[in-house]
């Protein structure tokens, strides 16, 4: 399954430090969207650089139908009062069993998180860029 290959690539970077506005296509540090962009690019899928641009690509998926490899988009405290695409402040990849692979916030690293109430309340939408809906 191609989605599992992308997830496996991402898991190789667990513990990589977060740095906002990390340089594209390098692996010393990541921010959320550079991480997603990198692990998809290594597997032959080109995505735009930031989470708002990434939200534009792919097929919309309802939360109830998310599958491994889908991109999940979230708002943040500083963006939740904004409108449209500008509300999006975070992207993660769904890895199954109610978990996401991502990196966020200074001091954090690439990690696996539970898709808990915090993330569900911040959820904006999901996109599938691998396979068919």
C-alpha atoms as a PDB file:
ATOM      1  CA  UNK A   1       0.000   0.000   0.000  1.00  0.00           C
ATOM      2  CA  UNK A   2       1.495   3.292  -1.135  1.00  0.00           C
ATOM      3  CA  UNK A   3       0.158   5.265   1.849  1.00  0.00           C
ATOM      4  CA  UNK A   4       2.041   2.923   4.189  1.00  0.00           C
ATOM      5  CA  UNK A   5       5.248   3.625   2.265  1.00  0.00           C
ATOM      6  CA  UNK A   6       4.814   7.374   2.850  1.00  0.00           C
ATOM      7  CA  UNK A   7       4.065   6.774   6.537  1.00  0.00           C
ATOM      8  CA  UNK A   8       7.144   4.554   6.843  1.00  0.00           C
ATOM      9  CA  UNK A   9       9.254   7.338   5.341  1.00  0.00           C
ATOM     10  CA  UNK A  10       7.839   9.772   7.906  1.00  0.00           C
ATOM     11  CA  UNK A  11       8.465   7.411  10.814  1.00  0.00           C
ATOM     12  CA  UNK A  12      12.182   7.463   9.972  1.00  0.00           C
ATOM     13  CA  UNK A  13      12.221  11.095  11.119  1.00  0.00           C
ATOM     14  CA  UNK A  14      10.634  10.643  14.559  1.00  0.00           C
ATOM     15  CA  UNK A  15      12.482  12.930  16.954  1.00  0.00           C
ATOM     16  CA  UNK A  16      13.643  15.413  14.288  1.00  0.00           C
ATOM     17  CA  UNK A  17      13.428  18.927  15.799  1.00  0.00           C
ATOM     18  CA  UNK A  18      10.706  21.402  14.870  1.00  0.00           C
ATOM     19  CA  UNK A  19      11.744  24.761  13.459  1.00  0.00           C
ATOM     20  CA  UNK A  20       9.180  27.170  12.061  1.00  0.00           C
ATOM     21  CA  UNK A  21       9.861  27.993   8.414  1.00  0.00           C
ATOM     22  CA  UNK A  22      12.380  25.173   8.026  1.00  0.00           C
ATOM     23  CA  UNK A  23      14.163  25.056   4.711  1.00  0.00           C
ATOM     24  CA  UNK A  24      12.515  22.948   2.028  1.00  0.00           C
ATOM     25  CA  UNK A  25      13.796  19.448   1.169  1.00  0.00           C
ATOM     26  CA  UNK A  26      16.258  19.067   4.031  1.00  0.00           C
ATOM     27  CA  UNK A  27      15.935  16.806   7.076  1.00  0.00           C
ATOM     28  CA  UNK A  28      17.793  18.561   9.925  1.00  0.00           C
ATOM     29  CA  UNK A  29      14.600  20.312  11.066  1.00  0.00           C
ATOM     30  CA  UNK A  30      10.992  20.431   9.898  1.00  0.00           C
ATOM     31  CA  UNK A  31       7.904  22.488  10.399  1.00  0.00           C
ATOM     32  CA  UNK A  32       4.571  20.752   9.855  1.00  0.00           C
ATOM     33  CA  UNK A  33       4.218  21.478   6.165  1.00  0.00           C
ATOM     34  CA  UNK A  34       7.878  20.998   5.215  1.00  0.00           C
ATOM     35  CA  UNK A  35       7.702  17.567   6.886  1.00  0.00           C
ATOM     36  CA  UNK A  36       4.609  16.571   4.905  1.00  0.00           C
ATOM     37  CA  UNK A  37       6.054  18.016   1.699  1.00  0.00           C
ATOM     38  CA  UNK A  38       9.312  16.106   2.199  1.00  0.00           C
ATOM     39  CA  UNK A  39       7.887  12.653   2.967  1.00  0.00           C
ATOM     40  CA  UNK A  40       5.504  12.844   0.022  1.00  0.00           C
ATOM     41  CA  UNK A  41       8.222  14.128  -2.346  1.00  0.00           C
ATOM     42  CA  UNK A  42      10.560  11.246  -1.422  1.00  0.00           C
ATOM     43  CA  UNK A  43       7.736   8.990  -2.580  1.00  0.00           C
ATOM     44  CA  UNK A  44       7.159  10.839  -5.858  1.00  0.00           C
ATOM     45  CA  UNK A  45       4.272  13.145  -4.926  1.00  0.00           C
ATOM     46  CA  UNK A  46       4.921  16.880  -5.201  1.00  0.00           C
ATOM     47  CA  UNK A  47       3.030  19.075  -2.752  1.00  0.00           C
ATOM     48  CA  UNK A  48       3.142  22.831  -2.240  1.00  0.00           C
ATOM     49  CA  UNK A  49       5.239  24.239   0.618  1.00  0.00           C
ATOM     50  CA  UNK A  50       2.755  25.475   3.239  1.00  0.00           C
ATOM     51  CA  UNK A  51      -0.319  23.937   4.844  1.00  0.00           C
ATOM     52  CA  UNK A  52      -2.769  26.389   3.254  1.00  0.00           C
ATOM     53  CA  UNK A  53      -1.403  25.605  -0.215  1.00  0.00           C
ATOM     54  CA  UNK A  54      -1.434  21.875   0.582  1.00  0.00           C
ATOM     55  CA  UNK A  55      -5.115  22.116   1.523  1.00  0.00           C
ATOM     56  CA  UNK A  56      -5.929  23.160  -2.045  1.00  0.00           C
ATOM     57  CA  UNK A  57      -4.673  19.886  -3.578  1.00  0.00           C
ATOM     58  CA  UNK A  58      -6.233  16.446  -3.324  1.00  0.00           C
ATOM     59  CA  UNK A  59      -9.769  15.190  -2.869  1.00  0.00           C
ATOM     60  CA  UNK A  60     -11.806  16.346   0.154  1.00  0.00           C
ATOM     61  CA  UNK A  61     -12.581  13.532   2.603  1.00  0.00           C
ATOM     62  CA  UNK A  62     -15.038  13.634   5.498  1.00  0.00           C
ATOM     63  CA  UNK A  63     -13.578  13.007   8.943  1.00  0.00           C
ATOM     64  CA  UNK A  64     -15.529   9.749   9.192  1.00  0.00           C
ATOM     65  CA  UNK A  65     -13.870   8.412   6.025  1.00  0.00           C
ATOM     66  CA  UNK A  66     -10.221   9.234   6.677  1.00  0.00           C
ATOM     67  CA  UNK A  67      -7.687   6.530   5.849  1.00  0.00           C
ATOM     68  CA  UNK A  68      -3.977   6.024   6.315  1.00  0.00           C
ATOM     69  CA  UNK A  69      -2.061   8.562   4.277  1.00  0.00           C
ATOM     70  CA  UNK A  70      -4.750  11.260   4.279  1.00  0.00           C
ATOM     71  CA  UNK A  71      -3.703  14.786   5.167  1.00  0.00           C
ATOM     72  CA  UNK A  72      -5.531  16.345   8.111  1.00  0.00           C
ATOM     73  CA  UNK A  73      -5.665  20.114   8.472  1.00  0.00           C
ATOM     74  CA  UNK A  74      -6.188  22.056  11.673  1.00  0.00           C
ATOM     75  CA  UNK A  75      -6.534  25.601  12.912  1.00  0.00           C
ATOM     76  CA  UNK A  76      -4.436  27.081  15.707  1.00  0.00           C
ATOM     77  CA  UNK A  77      -5.132  29.499  18.567  1.00  0.00           C
ATOM     78  CA  UNK A  78      -3.791  32.409  16.563  1.00  0.00           C
ATOM     79  CA  UNK A  79      -5.674  31.477  13.368  1.00  0.00           C
ATOM     80  CA  UNK A  80      -9.078  30.253  14.576  1.00  0.00           C
ATOM     81  CA  UNK A  81     -10.730  33.673  14.229  1.00  0.00           C
ATOM     82  CA  UNK A  82      -9.619  34.010  10.611  1.00  0.00           C
ATOM     83  CA  UNK A  83     -11.719  33.078   7.599  1.00  0.00           C
ATOM     84  CA  UNK A  84     -11.223  30.637   4.735  1.00  0.00           C
ATOM     85  CA  UNK A  85      -7.804  29.171   4.020  1.00  0.00           C
ATOM     86  CA  UNK A  86      -6.142  31.574   6.444  1.00  0.00           C
ATOM     87  CA  UNK A  87      -7.699  29.593   9.324  1.00  0.00           C
ATOM     88  CA  UNK A  88      -5.407  26.649   8.504  1.00  0.00           C
ATOM     89  CA  UNK A  89      -2.272  26.581  10.617  1.00  0.00           C
ATOM     90  CA  UNK A  90      -1.290  22.929  10.842  1.00  0.00           C
ATOM     91  CA  UNK A  91      -1.107  19.764   8.746  1.00  0.00           C
ATOM     92  CA  UNK A  92      -0.527  16.140   9.772  1.00  0.00           C
ATOM     93  CA  UNK A  93      -0.731  12.728   8.120  1.00  0.00           C
ATOM     94  CA  UNK A  94      -3.212  10.165   9.400  1.00  0.00           C
ATOM     95  CA  UNK A  95      -1.436   6.882  10.220  1.00  0.00           C
ATOM     96  CA  UNK A  96      -4.435   4.837  11.360  1.00  0.00           C
ATOM     97  CA  UNK A  97      -5.840   3.723  14.717  1.00  0.00           C
ATOM     98  CA  UNK A  98      -6.750   7.305  15.666  1.00  0.00           C
ATOM     99  CA  UNK A  99      -3.181   8.604  15.399  1.00  0.00           C
ATOM    100  CA  UNK A 100      -1.406  11.317  13.420  1.00  0.00           C
ATOM    101  CA  UNK A 101       2.242  11.793  12.485  1.00  0.00           C
ATOM    102  CA  UNK A 102       3.350  15.425  12.567  1.00  0.00           C
ATOM    103  CA  UNK A 103       5.500  18.118  14.111  1.00  0.00           C
ATOM    104  CA  UNK A 104       4.437  21.405  15.629  1.00  0.00           C
ATOM    105  CA  UNK A 105       5.404  24.143  18.043  1.00  0.00           C
ATOM    106  CA  UNK A 106       8.884  25.186  19.071  1.00  0.00           C
ATOM    107  CA  UNK A 107      10.518  22.672  21.403  1.00  0.00           C
ATOM    108  CA  UNK A 108       8.612  19.756  19.890  1.00  0.00           C
ATOM    109  CA  UNK A 109       9.820  17.139  17.451  1.00  0.00           C
ATOM    110  CA  UNK A 110       8.363  14.866  14.778  1.00  0.00           C
ATOM    111  CA  UNK A 111       5.983  12.686  16.792  1.00  0.00           C
ATOM    112  CA  UNK A 112       2.923  10.504  16.825  1.00  0.00           C
ATOM    113  CA  UNK A 113      -0.106  11.984  18.587  1.00  0.00           C
ATOM    114  CA  UNK A 114      -3.524  10.643  19.417  1.00  0.00           C
ATOM    115  CA  UNK A 115      -6.291  12.256  17.400  1.00  0.00           C
ATOM    116  CA  UNK A 116      -7.861  13.395  20.671  1.00  0.00           C
ATOM    117  CA  UNK A 117     -10.501  16.019  21.490  1.00  0.00           C
ATOM    118  CA  UNK A 118      -7.952  18.853  21.153  1.00  0.00           C
ATOM    119  CA  UNK A 119      -7.174  17.903  17.575  1.00  0.00           C
ATOM    120  CA  UNK A 120     -10.792  17.082  16.727  1.00  0.00           C
ATOM    121  CA  UNK A 121     -11.927  20.535  17.940  1.00  0.00           C
ATOM    122  CA  UNK A 122      -9.231  22.179  15.781  1.00  0.00           C
ATOM    123  CA  UNK A 123     -10.002  20.060  12.701  1.00  0.00           C
ATOM    124  CA  UNK A 124     -10.665  22.004   9.477  1.00  0.00           C
ATOM    125  CA  UNK A 125     -10.683  19.269   6.832  1.00  0.00           C
ATOM    126  CA  UNK A 126      -9.004  16.244   5.284  1.00  0.00           C
ATOM    127  CA  UNK A 127      -7.586  15.681   1.826  1.00  0.00           C
ATOM    128  CA  UNK A 128      -6.588  12.502   0.030  1.00  0.00           C
ATOM    129  CA  UNK A 129      -3.633  12.869  -2.303  1.00  0.00           C
ATOM    130  CA  UNK A 130      -2.811   9.137  -2.465  1.00  0.00           C
ATOM    131  CA  UNK A 131      -5.260   6.717  -4.081  1.00  0.00           C
ATOM    132  CA  UNK A 132      -8.948   7.193  -4.705  1.00  0.00           C
ATOM    133  CA  UNK A 133     -11.588   8.248  -2.151  1.00  0.00           C
END
